[in-house]
């Protein structure tokens, strides 16, 4: 039995990315009834802040030291969040594009879990090495425009490019992506057709998402 973490990064009930996740999970549950799926709604989750004490702890760890005092207490919550994240075998991340990038709650979550000694390390002979390995990630993305290769807006995509980069940094290299595009440029009926096509594409990935 595998444990799947499905991260929802939109606050909107009618979110295209969340609906895409619902469609994927419907098929996934049919194909993998033995697996357990936990939903993490980032807009209602208790994500630790990353302020001065947490930053002090991070730099202490980077310097080969143990966090102390307020930094140590703050670091406990960071470790708890990371241990929860690392307890899963597979990841599904549903996110809209906000201002060409990702919602701030998703960025906060990533800023908490990407930490030295916990999700990555530095090896002098190799450089940075990710510690979250051997696990697949499925990105279910919605964006108001089109950002594919050769598109004039291609360089404005800091959503998928960033998510792939940060996942790779912590060791996740088996990454798939399904996108619903042009959600702000077409009629609701046209976007609905795009969504259903994306759900079918995601459904085809569900069988081999392992």
N, C-alpha and C. Protein backbone atom coordinates (compact mmCIF):
# COMPACT_ATOMS: atom_id res chain seq x y z
N UNK A 1 0.84 -1.20 0.00
CA UNK A 1 0.00 0.00 0.00
C UNK A 1 0.87 1.24 0.00
N UNK A 2 0.60 2.16 -0.90
CA UNK A 2 1.35 3.41 -0.99
C UNK A 2 0.56 4.55 -0.36
N UNK A 3 1.29 5.50 0.17
CA UNK A 3 0.68 6.71 0.73
C UNK A 3 0.86 7.85 -0.25
N UNK A 4 -0.23 8.52 -0.57
CA UNK A 4 -0.21 9.61 -1.55
C UNK A 4 -0.60 10.91 -0.85
N UNK A 5 0.20 11.95 -1.06
CA UNK A 5 -0.14 13.27 -0.54
C UNK A 5 -0.61 14.13 -1.72
N UNK A 6 -1.85 14.60 -1.63
CA UNK A 6 -2.40 15.47 -2.68
C UNK A 6 -2.48 16.89 -2.11
N UNK A 7 -1.65 17.77 -2.64
CA UNK A 7 -1.55 19.15 -2.16
C UNK A 7 -2.41 20.04 -3.04
N UNK A 8 -3.35 20.74 -2.41
CA UNK A 8 -4.23 21.66 -3.12
C UNK A 8 -3.79 23.09 -2.82
N UNK A 9 -3.46 23.84 -3.86
CA UNK A 9 -2.87 25.17 -3.67
C UNK A 9 -3.78 26.31 -4.13
N UNK A 10 -5.06 26.05 -4.25
CA UNK A 10 -6.01 27.10 -4.62
C UNK A 10 -7.06 27.26 -3.54
N UNK A 11 -7.46 28.52 -3.21
CA UNK A 11 -8.52 28.73 -2.22
C UNK A 11 -9.91 28.67 -2.82
N UNK A 12 -10.03 28.55 -4.14
CA UNK A 12 -11.32 28.66 -4.82
C UNK A 12 -11.97 27.28 -4.98
N UNK A 13 -13.23 27.18 -4.57
CA UNK A 13 -13.96 25.92 -4.74
C UNK A 13 -14.09 25.53 -6.21
N UNK A 14 -14.20 26.55 -7.08
CA UNK A 14 -14.39 26.30 -8.51
C UNK A 14 -13.06 26.27 -9.27
N UNK A 15 -11.96 26.13 -8.56
CA UNK A 15 -10.63 26.13 -9.17
C UNK A 15 -10.49 25.05 -10.23
N UNK A 16 -9.95 25.43 -11.37
CA UNK A 16 -9.72 24.46 -12.45
C UNK A 16 -8.70 23.42 -12.03
N UNK A 17 -7.64 23.84 -11.34
CA UNK A 17 -6.61 22.88 -10.92
C UNK A 17 -7.16 21.90 -9.89
N UNK A 18 -8.01 22.38 -8.98
CA UNK A 18 -8.60 21.49 -7.98
C UNK A 18 -9.56 20.51 -8.63
N UNK A 19 -10.32 20.97 -9.62
CA UNK A 19 -11.23 20.07 -10.33
C UNK A 19 -10.44 19.02 -11.11
N UNK A 20 -9.30 19.42 -11.66
CA UNK A 20 -8.44 18.47 -12.34
C UNK A 20 -7.94 17.41 -11.36
N UNK A 21 -7.58 17.84 -10.15
CA UNK A 21 -7.15 16.89 -9.12
C UNK A 21 -8.27 15.93 -8.76
N UNK A 22 -9.49 16.44 -8.63
CA UNK A 22 -10.63 15.57 -8.32
C UNK A 22 -10.81 14.51 -9.39
N UNK A 23 -10.68 14.92 -10.66
CA UNK A 23 -10.83 13.97 -11.75
C UNK A 23 -9.75 12.91 -11.74
N UNK A 24 -8.52 13.34 -11.49
CA UNK A 24 -7.40 12.39 -11.43
C UNK A 24 -7.61 11.40 -10.29
N UNK A 25 -7.98 11.92 -9.11
CA UNK A 25 -8.11 11.05 -7.94
C UNK A 25 -9.25 10.04 -8.09
N UNK A 26 -10.30 10.42 -8.80
CA UNK A 26 -11.39 9.48 -9.05
C UNK A 26 -10.87 8.25 -9.77
N UNK A 27 -10.09 8.47 -10.82
CA UNK A 27 -9.51 7.34 -11.56
C UNK A 27 -8.47 6.63 -10.74
N UNK A 28 -7.64 7.38 -10.03
CA UNK A 28 -6.56 6.76 -9.25
C UNK A 28 -7.13 5.82 -8.20
N UNK A 29 -8.19 6.25 -7.51
CA UNK A 29 -8.78 5.40 -6.47
C UNK A 29 -9.35 4.12 -7.06
N UNK A 30 -9.87 4.19 -8.27
CA UNK A 30 -10.40 2.99 -8.92
C UNK A 30 -9.28 2.01 -9.26
N UNK A 31 -8.14 2.55 -9.68
CA UNK A 31 -7.02 1.71 -10.10
C UNK A 31 -6.15 1.24 -8.95
N UNK A 32 -6.14 2.02 -7.88
CA UNK A 32 -5.27 1.69 -6.73
C UNK A 32 -6.07 1.76 -5.43
N UNK A 33 -7.09 0.92 -5.27
CA UNK A 33 -7.95 1.00 -4.09
C UNK A 33 -7.22 0.72 -2.78
N UNK A 34 -6.06 0.08 -2.87
CA UNK A 34 -5.31 -0.24 -1.66
C UNK A 34 -4.51 0.95 -1.13
N UNK A 35 -4.30 1.97 -1.94
CA UNK A 35 -3.49 3.11 -1.53
C UNK A 35 -4.30 4.08 -0.66
N UNK A 36 -3.61 4.78 0.21
CA UNK A 36 -4.25 5.80 1.03
C UNK A 36 -3.87 7.18 0.48
N UNK A 37 -4.85 8.09 0.47
CA UNK A 37 -4.65 9.43 -0.07
C UNK A 37 -4.99 10.45 1.01
N UNK A 38 -4.06 11.34 1.28
CA UNK A 38 -4.29 12.43 2.23
C UNK A 38 -4.34 13.75 1.46
N UNK A 39 -5.37 14.53 1.72
CA UNK A 39 -5.51 15.84 1.10
C UNK A 39 -4.91 16.90 2.00
N UNK A 40 -4.10 17.78 1.42
CA UNK A 40 -3.52 18.89 2.15
C UNK A 40 -3.93 20.19 1.47
N UNK A 41 -4.92 20.86 2.03
CA UNK A 41 -5.40 22.14 1.52
C UNK A 41 -4.55 23.24 2.14
N UNK A 42 -3.69 23.83 1.35
CA UNK A 42 -2.72 24.78 1.90
C UNK A 42 -3.36 26.06 2.43
N UNK A 43 -4.58 26.37 2.00
CA UNK A 43 -5.22 27.59 2.47
C UNK A 43 -5.99 27.39 3.78
N UNK A 44 -6.03 26.15 4.26
CA UNK A 44 -6.60 25.90 5.58
C UNK A 44 -5.62 25.17 6.49
N UNK A 45 -4.50 24.73 5.94
CA UNK A 45 -3.51 23.98 6.72
C UNK A 45 -2.74 24.92 7.66
N UNK A 46 -2.25 24.34 8.73
CA UNK A 46 -1.43 25.08 9.69
C UNK A 46 0.02 24.98 9.26
N UNK A 47 0.43 25.89 8.37
CA UNK A 47 1.80 25.90 7.88
C UNK A 47 2.63 26.80 8.80
N UNK A 48 3.75 26.32 9.30
CA UNK A 48 4.57 27.17 10.18
C UNK A 48 5.04 28.43 9.43
N UNK A 49 5.16 29.53 10.14
CA UNK A 49 5.74 30.72 9.50
C UNK A 49 7.23 30.50 9.27
N UNK A 50 7.82 31.29 8.41
CA UNK A 50 9.27 31.24 8.24
C UNK A 50 9.79 32.66 8.42
N UNK A 51 10.01 32.99 9.69
CA UNK A 51 10.44 34.33 10.06
C UNK A 51 11.85 34.27 10.65
N UNK A 52 12.22 35.26 11.45
CA UNK A 52 13.59 35.35 11.94
C UNK A 52 14.07 34.12 12.70
N UNK A 53 13.28 33.55 13.63
CA UNK A 53 13.78 32.36 14.35
C UNK A 53 14.04 31.17 13.43
N UNK A 54 13.13 30.95 12.48
CA UNK A 54 13.31 29.83 11.55
C UNK A 54 14.53 30.08 10.65
N UNK A 55 14.69 31.32 10.21
CA UNK A 55 15.85 31.65 9.38
C UNK A 55 17.15 31.47 10.16
N UNK A 56 17.15 31.86 11.44
CA UNK A 56 18.34 31.67 12.26
C UNK A 56 18.68 30.20 12.40
N UNK A 57 17.64 29.38 12.57
CA UNK A 57 17.87 27.94 12.67
C UNK A 57 18.46 27.39 11.38
N UNK A 58 17.91 27.81 10.27
CA UNK A 58 18.41 27.33 8.97
C UNK A 58 19.88 27.66 8.79
N UNK A 59 20.26 28.90 9.09
CA UNK A 59 21.66 29.29 8.90
C UNK A 59 22.57 28.61 9.90
N UNK A 60 22.05 28.30 11.08
CA UNK A 60 22.84 27.51 12.03
C UNK A 60 23.13 26.13 11.46
N UNK A 61 22.10 25.49 10.91
CA UNK A 61 22.28 24.16 10.32
C UNK A 61 23.24 24.23 9.13
N UNK A 62 23.08 25.24 8.28
CA UNK A 62 23.99 25.40 7.15
C UNK A 62 25.43 25.56 7.61
N UNK A 63 25.62 26.15 8.79
CA UNK A 63 26.96 26.35 9.34
C UNK A 63 27.46 25.18 10.17
N UNK A 64 26.70 24.09 10.19
CA UNK A 64 27.12 22.91 10.93
C UNK A 64 26.88 23.00 12.42
N UNK A 65 25.97 23.87 12.84
CA UNK A 65 25.68 24.05 14.25
C UNK A 65 24.24 23.64 14.56
N UNK A 66 23.94 23.52 15.85
CA UNK A 66 22.59 23.21 16.29
C UNK A 66 21.85 24.52 16.61
N UNK A 67 20.60 24.65 16.16
CA UNK A 67 19.81 25.84 16.51
C UNK A 67 19.64 25.92 18.03
N UNK A 68 19.55 27.15 18.55
CA UNK A 68 19.42 27.33 20.00
C UNK A 68 18.28 28.29 20.31
N UNK A 69 17.79 28.17 21.54
CA UNK A 69 16.80 29.10 22.09
C UNK A 69 15.56 29.19 21.20
N UNK A 70 15.16 30.42 20.82
CA UNK A 70 13.96 30.61 20.00
C UNK A 70 14.09 29.89 18.67
N UNK A 71 15.29 29.90 18.10
CA UNK A 71 15.51 29.23 16.82
C UNK A 71 15.28 27.73 16.95
N UNK A 72 15.70 27.15 18.05
CA UNK A 72 15.51 25.71 18.24
C UNK A 72 14.02 25.36 18.33
N UNK A 73 13.27 26.16 19.10
CA UNK A 73 11.84 25.90 19.24
C UNK A 73 11.13 26.05 17.90
N UNK A 74 11.52 27.05 17.13
CA UNK A 74 10.91 27.26 15.81
C UNK A 74 11.25 26.12 14.86
N UNK A 75 12.44 25.59 14.98
CA UNK A 75 12.91 24.53 14.08
C UNK A 75 12.14 23.24 14.28
N UNK A 76 11.63 23.02 15.49
CA UNK A 76 10.86 21.81 15.78
C UNK A 76 9.63 21.73 14.87
N UNK A 77 8.95 22.85 14.67
CA UNK A 77 7.77 22.87 13.82
C UNK A 77 8.14 22.66 12.35
N UNK A 78 9.27 23.19 11.95
CA UNK A 78 9.75 22.96 10.58
C UNK A 78 10.01 21.48 10.37
N UNK A 79 10.70 20.86 11.31
CA UNK A 79 11.01 19.43 11.21
C UNK A 79 9.73 18.60 11.17
N UNK A 80 8.75 18.97 11.99
CA UNK A 80 7.48 18.25 12.00
C UNK A 80 6.81 18.30 10.63
N UNK A 81 6.81 19.46 10.01
CA UNK A 81 6.20 19.61 8.69
C UNK A 81 6.94 18.79 7.64
N UNK A 82 8.25 18.81 7.72
CA UNK A 82 9.06 18.06 6.75
C UNK A 82 8.89 16.56 6.94
N UNK A 83 8.86 16.10 8.18
CA UNK A 83 8.68 14.67 8.42
C UNK A 83 7.32 14.20 7.90
N UNK A 84 6.31 15.03 8.05
CA UNK A 84 5.00 14.69 7.49
C UNK A 84 5.10 14.57 5.98
N UNK A 85 5.74 15.54 5.33
CA UNK A 85 5.89 15.53 3.87
C UNK A 85 6.66 14.28 3.42
N UNK A 86 7.72 13.95 4.10
CA UNK A 86 8.57 12.84 3.68
C UNK A 86 7.97 11.47 4.00
N UNK A 87 6.87 11.45 4.73
CA UNK A 87 6.26 10.16 5.09
C UNK A 87 5.44 9.56 3.95
N UNK A 88 5.34 10.29 2.82
CA UNK A 88 4.52 9.82 1.70
C UNK A 88 5.38 9.21 0.60
N UNK A 89 4.74 8.34 -0.18
CA UNK A 89 5.43 7.64 -1.27
C UNK A 89 5.23 8.32 -2.63
N UNK A 90 4.15 9.09 -2.76
CA UNK A 90 3.83 9.76 -4.02
C UNK A 90 3.24 11.13 -3.71
N UNK A 91 3.44 12.06 -4.66
CA UNK A 91 2.92 13.41 -4.47
C UNK A 91 2.10 13.86 -5.68
N UNK A 92 0.97 14.48 -5.38
CA UNK A 92 0.15 15.14 -6.40
C UNK A 92 0.02 16.59 -5.97
N UNK A 93 0.33 17.51 -6.86
CA UNK A 93 0.26 18.93 -6.53
C UNK A 93 -0.62 19.64 -7.55
N UNK A 94 -1.74 20.18 -7.08
CA UNK A 94 -2.67 20.92 -7.94
C UNK A 94 -2.53 22.40 -7.63
N UNK A 95 -2.17 23.17 -8.66
CA UNK A 95 -1.91 24.59 -8.41
C UNK A 95 -2.32 25.45 -9.60
N UNK A 96 -2.93 26.59 -9.34
CA UNK A 96 -3.14 27.58 -10.38
C UNK A 96 -1.88 28.41 -10.58
N UNK A 97 -1.83 29.15 -11.66
CA UNK A 97 -0.78 30.15 -11.86
C UNK A 97 -1.29 31.48 -11.33
N UNK A 98 -0.52 32.08 -10.45
CA UNK A 98 -0.82 33.42 -9.94
C UNK A 98 0.32 34.35 -10.34
N UNK A 99 -0.01 35.38 -11.10
CA UNK A 99 1.02 36.35 -11.49
C UNK A 99 2.25 35.67 -12.08
N UNK A 100 2.00 34.72 -12.97
CA UNK A 100 3.01 33.96 -13.70
C UNK A 100 3.78 32.97 -12.83
N UNK A 101 3.40 32.83 -11.55
CA UNK A 101 4.11 31.95 -10.64
C UNK A 101 3.11 31.11 -9.86
N UNK A 102 3.32 30.94 -8.56
CA UNK A 102 2.48 30.07 -7.75
C UNK A 102 1.85 30.86 -6.61
N UNK A 103 0.74 30.38 -6.03
CA UNK A 103 0.11 31.05 -4.90
C UNK A 103 1.06 31.16 -3.71
N UNK A 104 0.89 32.21 -2.93
CA UNK A 104 1.82 32.49 -1.84
C UNK A 104 1.81 31.40 -0.77
N UNK A 105 0.67 30.72 -0.57
CA UNK A 105 0.64 29.67 0.44
C UNK A 105 1.47 28.45 -0.01
N UNK A 106 1.50 28.18 -1.28
CA UNK A 106 2.36 27.11 -1.80
C UNK A 106 3.82 27.50 -1.64
N UNK A 107 4.14 28.75 -1.94
CA UNK A 107 5.53 29.20 -1.76
C UNK A 107 5.94 29.10 -0.30
N UNK A 108 5.05 29.47 0.62
CA UNK A 108 5.35 29.36 2.04
C UNK A 108 5.62 27.91 2.42
N UNK A 109 4.78 27.00 1.94
CA UNK A 109 4.96 25.58 2.25
C UNK A 109 6.31 25.08 1.74
N UNK A 110 6.65 25.44 0.52
CA UNK A 110 7.93 25.02 -0.05
C UNK A 110 9.10 25.64 0.71
N UNK A 111 8.96 26.89 1.12
CA UNK A 111 10.03 27.53 1.88
C UNK A 111 10.25 26.85 3.22
N UNK A 112 9.21 26.21 3.76
CA UNK A 112 9.34 25.48 5.01
C UNK A 112 10.00 24.12 4.80
N UNK A 113 9.61 23.40 3.76
CA UNK A 113 10.09 22.02 3.62
C UNK A 113 11.44 21.90 2.92
N UNK A 114 11.88 22.91 2.22
CA UNK A 114 13.19 22.83 1.55
C UNK A 114 14.25 23.32 2.52
N UNK A 115 14.85 22.37 3.27
CA UNK A 115 15.77 22.72 4.35
C UNK A 115 17.01 21.82 4.35
N UNK A 116 18.16 22.41 4.72
CA UNK A 116 19.42 21.65 4.74
C UNK A 116 19.38 20.53 5.76
N UNK A 117 19.94 19.40 5.36
CA UNK A 117 20.01 18.25 6.25
C UNK A 117 18.72 17.47 6.36
N UNK A 118 17.64 18.00 5.81
CA UNK A 118 16.33 17.38 5.92
C UNK A 118 15.77 16.98 4.56
N UNK A 119 15.83 17.88 3.60
CA UNK A 119 15.39 17.53 2.24
C UNK A 119 16.51 17.72 1.21
N UNK A 120 17.62 18.31 1.62
CA UNK A 120 18.80 18.37 0.75
C UNK A 120 20.05 18.49 1.62
N UNK A 121 21.19 18.20 1.02
CA UNK A 121 22.47 18.35 1.71
C UNK A 121 23.50 18.85 0.70
N UNK A 122 24.61 19.30 1.21
CA UNK A 122 25.70 19.75 0.35
C UNK A 122 26.88 18.80 0.50
N UNK A 123 27.31 18.27 -0.63
CA UNK A 123 28.47 17.37 -0.66
C UNK A 123 29.55 18.06 -1.48
N UNK A 124 30.71 18.35 -0.90
CA UNK A 124 31.74 19.10 -1.63
C UNK A 124 32.07 18.56 -3.01
N UNK A 125 32.11 17.23 -3.13
CA UNK A 125 32.48 16.63 -4.42
C UNK A 125 31.33 16.67 -5.44
N UNK A 126 30.10 16.84 -4.96
CA UNK A 126 28.94 16.77 -5.84
C UNK A 126 28.12 18.04 -5.90
N UNK A 127 28.21 18.86 -4.87
CA UNK A 127 27.34 20.02 -4.78
C UNK A 127 26.11 19.66 -3.98
N UNK A 128 24.97 20.29 -4.30
CA UNK A 128 23.74 20.01 -3.58
C UNK A 128 23.14 18.68 -4.02
N UNK A 129 22.68 17.91 -3.04
CA UNK A 129 22.11 16.59 -3.30
C UNK A 129 20.75 16.51 -2.63
N UNK A 130 19.72 16.15 -3.39
CA UNK A 130 18.38 16.00 -2.83
C UNK A 130 18.25 14.74 -2.00
N UNK A 131 17.43 14.81 -0.96
CA UNK A 131 17.25 13.68 -0.05
C UNK A 131 15.87 13.03 -0.16
N UNK A 132 14.98 13.62 -0.96
CA UNK A 132 13.63 13.05 -1.13
C UNK A 132 13.63 12.34 -2.48
N UNK A 133 14.09 11.11 -2.49
CA UNK A 133 14.31 10.40 -3.75
C UNK A 133 13.36 9.22 -3.91
N UNK A 134 13.28 8.74 -5.16
CA UNK A 134 12.50 7.55 -5.44
C UNK A 134 11.00 7.73 -5.33
N UNK A 135 10.51 8.96 -5.49
CA UNK A 135 9.07 9.22 -5.36
C UNK A 135 8.60 10.06 -6.54
N UNK A 136 7.48 9.71 -7.15
CA UNK A 136 6.97 10.47 -8.29
C UNK A 136 6.18 11.69 -7.84
N UNK A 137 6.13 12.66 -8.72
CA UNK A 137 5.34 13.87 -8.50
C UNK A 137 4.50 14.14 -9.74
N UNK A 138 3.21 14.36 -9.54
CA UNK A 138 2.32 14.75 -10.63
C UNK A 138 1.88 16.19 -10.40
N UNK A 139 2.18 17.07 -11.34
CA UNK A 139 1.76 18.46 -11.30
C UNK A 139 0.48 18.61 -12.10
N UNK A 140 -0.56 19.12 -11.45
CA UNK A 140 -1.84 19.38 -12.11
C UNK A 140 -2.03 20.90 -12.10
N UNK A 141 -1.83 21.52 -13.25
CA UNK A 141 -1.67 22.96 -13.31
C UNK A 141 -2.76 23.64 -14.12
N UNK A 142 -3.18 24.80 -13.66
CA UNK A 142 -4.11 25.64 -14.42
C UNK A 142 -3.46 27.00 -14.62
N UNK A 143 -3.67 27.56 -15.81
CA UNK A 143 -3.13 28.90 -16.08
C UNK A 143 -4.04 29.63 -17.05
N UNK A 144 -4.10 30.95 -16.89
CA UNK A 144 -5.04 31.76 -17.67
C UNK A 144 -4.70 31.87 -19.13
N UNK A 145 -3.40 31.71 -19.48
CA UNK A 145 -2.96 31.82 -20.86
C UNK A 145 -2.30 30.55 -21.33
N UNK A 146 -1.49 30.69 -22.38
CA UNK A 146 -0.77 29.56 -22.94
C UNK A 146 0.72 29.85 -22.87
N UNK A 147 1.50 28.87 -22.39
CA UNK A 147 2.92 29.12 -22.13
C UNK A 147 3.82 28.03 -22.69
N UNK A 148 3.35 27.30 -23.67
CA UNK A 148 4.13 26.19 -24.21
C UNK A 148 5.35 26.63 -24.99
N UNK A 149 6.15 25.64 -25.39
CA UNK A 149 7.37 25.92 -26.15
C UNK A 149 7.04 26.66 -27.44
N UNK A 150 7.78 27.73 -27.70
CA UNK A 150 7.57 28.52 -28.90
C UNK A 150 6.54 29.61 -28.76
N UNK A 151 5.77 29.58 -27.66
CA UNK A 151 4.78 30.62 -27.43
C UNK A 151 5.48 31.91 -26.98
N UNK A 152 5.00 33.09 -27.40
CA UNK A 152 5.64 34.35 -26.97
C UNK A 152 5.69 34.52 -25.46
N UNK A 153 4.77 33.86 -24.74
CA UNK A 153 4.73 33.98 -23.28
C UNK A 153 5.51 32.88 -22.57
N UNK A 154 6.23 32.07 -23.33
CA UNK A 154 6.93 30.92 -22.74
C UNK A 154 7.84 31.35 -21.59
N UNK A 155 8.56 32.45 -21.75
CA UNK A 155 9.51 32.86 -20.72
C UNK A 155 8.83 33.42 -19.47
N UNK A 156 7.50 33.61 -19.52
CA UNK A 156 6.77 34.13 -18.37
C UNK A 156 6.25 33.02 -17.46
N UNK A 157 6.51 31.79 -17.82
CA UNK A 157 6.04 30.67 -17.01
C UNK A 157 7.02 30.41 -15.86
N UNK A 158 6.72 30.98 -14.70
CA UNK A 158 7.49 30.71 -13.50
C UNK A 158 6.72 29.78 -12.56
N UNK A 159 5.69 29.15 -13.10
CA UNK A 159 4.89 28.19 -12.35
C UNK A 159 5.49 26.80 -12.50
N UNK A 160 5.32 26.19 -13.67
CA UNK A 160 5.82 24.84 -13.87
C UNK A 160 7.34 24.78 -13.79
N UNK A 161 8.01 25.77 -14.38
CA UNK A 161 9.47 25.75 -14.37
C UNK A 161 10.02 25.78 -12.95
N UNK A 162 9.41 26.60 -12.09
CA UNK A 162 9.87 26.67 -10.70
C UNK A 162 9.56 25.38 -9.95
N UNK A 163 8.36 24.84 -10.12
CA UNK A 163 7.98 23.62 -9.40
C UNK A 163 8.87 22.45 -9.81
N UNK A 164 9.19 22.36 -11.08
CA UNK A 164 10.10 21.30 -11.52
C UNK A 164 11.49 21.49 -10.92
N UNK A 165 11.95 22.74 -10.89
CA UNK A 165 13.30 23.02 -10.38
C UNK A 165 13.40 22.73 -8.89
N UNK A 166 12.42 23.19 -8.10
CA UNK A 166 12.51 23.02 -6.66
C UNK A 166 12.30 21.56 -6.26
N UNK A 167 11.44 20.84 -7.00
CA UNK A 167 11.27 19.41 -6.73
C UNK A 167 12.54 18.66 -7.05
N UNK A 168 13.17 19.00 -8.17
CA UNK A 168 14.43 18.36 -8.53
C UNK A 168 15.53 18.64 -7.52
N UNK A 169 15.50 19.84 -6.96
CA UNK A 169 16.52 20.23 -5.99
C UNK A 169 16.48 19.34 -4.76
N UNK A 170 15.29 18.91 -4.34
CA UNK A 170 15.20 18.05 -3.15
C UNK A 170 15.19 16.56 -3.52
N UNK A 171 15.41 16.25 -4.79
CA UNK A 171 15.62 14.86 -5.18
C UNK A 171 14.50 14.20 -5.96
N UNK A 172 13.40 14.94 -6.20
CA UNK A 172 12.28 14.35 -6.95
C UNK A 172 12.51 14.61 -8.43
N UNK A 173 12.78 13.57 -9.17
CA UNK A 173 13.09 13.71 -10.60
C UNK A 173 12.05 13.05 -11.51
N UNK A 174 11.22 12.18 -10.95
CA UNK A 174 10.16 11.53 -11.73
C UNK A 174 8.93 12.43 -11.68
N UNK A 175 8.88 13.38 -12.63
CA UNK A 175 7.87 14.44 -12.60
C UNK A 175 7.03 14.39 -13.87
N UNK A 176 5.72 14.41 -13.69
CA UNK A 176 4.78 14.49 -14.80
C UNK A 176 3.92 15.74 -14.62
N UNK A 177 3.41 16.28 -15.71
CA UNK A 177 2.57 17.48 -15.62
C UNK A 177 1.41 17.39 -16.59
N UNK A 178 0.24 17.81 -16.11
CA UNK A 178 -0.95 17.94 -16.94
C UNK A 178 -1.46 19.36 -16.72
N UNK A 179 -1.83 20.03 -17.81
CA UNK A 179 -2.17 21.45 -17.72
C UNK A 179 -3.54 21.75 -18.30
N UNK A 180 -4.24 22.68 -17.66
CA UNK A 180 -5.45 23.29 -18.23
C UNK A 180 -5.08 24.74 -18.52
N UNK A 181 -5.05 25.10 -19.79
CA UNK A 181 -4.59 26.44 -20.17
C UNK A 181 -5.73 27.28 -20.76
N UNK A 182 -5.41 28.56 -20.91
CA UNK A 182 -6.35 29.52 -21.51
C UNK A 182 -7.64 29.68 -20.71
N UNK A 183 -7.57 29.52 -19.40
CA UNK A 183 -8.79 29.59 -18.59
C UNK A 183 -9.38 30.99 -18.53
N UNK A 184 -8.58 32.00 -18.86
CA UNK A 184 -9.07 33.38 -18.86
C UNK A 184 -9.30 33.90 -20.27
N UNK A 185 -8.96 33.10 -21.27
CA UNK A 185 -8.98 33.58 -22.65
C UNK A 185 -10.12 32.99 -23.48
N UNK A 186 -10.80 31.98 -22.95
CA UNK A 186 -11.84 31.30 -23.71
C UNK A 186 -13.15 31.28 -22.93
N UNK A 187 -14.20 30.85 -23.57
CA UNK A 187 -15.50 30.78 -22.90
C UNK A 187 -15.48 29.67 -21.86
N UNK A 188 -16.38 29.72 -20.88
CA UNK A 188 -16.44 28.64 -19.89
C UNK A 188 -16.65 27.27 -20.53
N UNK A 189 -17.42 27.23 -21.60
CA UNK A 189 -17.66 25.95 -22.29
C UNK A 189 -16.36 25.43 -22.91
N UNK A 190 -15.58 26.32 -23.51
CA UNK A 190 -14.32 25.89 -24.11
C UNK A 190 -13.32 25.42 -23.05
N UNK A 191 -13.28 26.14 -21.92
CA UNK A 191 -12.36 25.74 -20.85
C UNK A 191 -12.80 24.41 -20.24
N UNK A 192 -14.12 24.21 -20.14
CA UNK A 192 -14.63 22.94 -19.64
C UNK A 192 -14.17 21.79 -20.53
N UNK A 193 -14.18 22.01 -21.84
CA UNK A 193 -13.69 20.98 -22.75
C UNK A 193 -12.21 20.71 -22.52
N UNK A 194 -11.45 21.78 -22.29
CA UNK A 194 -10.02 21.62 -22.01
C UNK A 194 -9.83 20.84 -20.70
N UNK A 195 -10.65 21.16 -19.71
CA UNK A 195 -10.55 20.46 -18.43
C UNK A 195 -10.82 18.97 -18.59
N UNK A 196 -11.88 18.62 -19.31
CA UNK A 196 -12.21 17.22 -19.47
C UNK A 196 -11.12 16.48 -20.24
N UNK A 197 -10.51 17.15 -21.21
CA UNK A 197 -9.39 16.53 -21.93
C UNK A 197 -8.21 16.31 -21.00
N UNK A 198 -7.96 17.29 -20.12
CA UNK A 198 -6.86 17.17 -19.15
C UNK A 198 -7.14 16.05 -18.14
N UNK A 199 -8.39 15.92 -17.72
CA UNK A 199 -8.76 14.85 -16.80
C UNK A 199 -8.52 13.49 -17.44
N UNK A 200 -8.85 13.37 -18.73
CA UNK A 200 -8.60 12.11 -19.42
C UNK A 200 -7.09 11.83 -19.50
N UNK A 201 -6.32 12.87 -19.78
CA UNK A 201 -4.86 12.71 -19.84
C UNK A 201 -4.31 12.29 -18.47
N UNK A 202 -4.79 12.96 -17.42
CA UNK A 202 -4.35 12.60 -16.08
C UNK A 202 -4.77 11.18 -15.72
N UNK A 203 -5.96 10.78 -16.16
CA UNK A 203 -6.43 9.43 -15.90
C UNK A 203 -5.53 8.39 -16.52
N UNK A 204 -5.01 8.69 -17.71
CA UNK A 204 -4.09 7.75 -18.34
C UNK A 204 -2.78 7.62 -17.56
N UNK A 205 -2.40 8.71 -16.87
CA UNK A 205 -1.19 8.65 -16.06
C UNK A 205 -1.42 7.92 -14.74
N UNK A 206 -2.67 7.85 -14.31
CA UNK A 206 -2.97 7.26 -13.00
C UNK A 206 -2.51 5.82 -12.90
N UNK A 207 -2.62 5.07 -13.99
CA UNK A 207 -2.28 3.65 -13.95
C UNK A 207 -0.80 3.44 -13.69
N UNK A 208 0.05 4.27 -14.30
CA UNK A 208 1.50 4.07 -14.16
C UNK A 208 2.14 5.04 -13.18
N UNK A 209 1.30 5.75 -12.40
CA UNK A 209 1.83 6.69 -11.41
C UNK A 209 2.26 5.90 -10.19
N UNK A 210 3.51 5.42 -10.25
CA UNK A 210 4.01 4.56 -9.17
C UNK A 210 5.51 4.78 -8.98
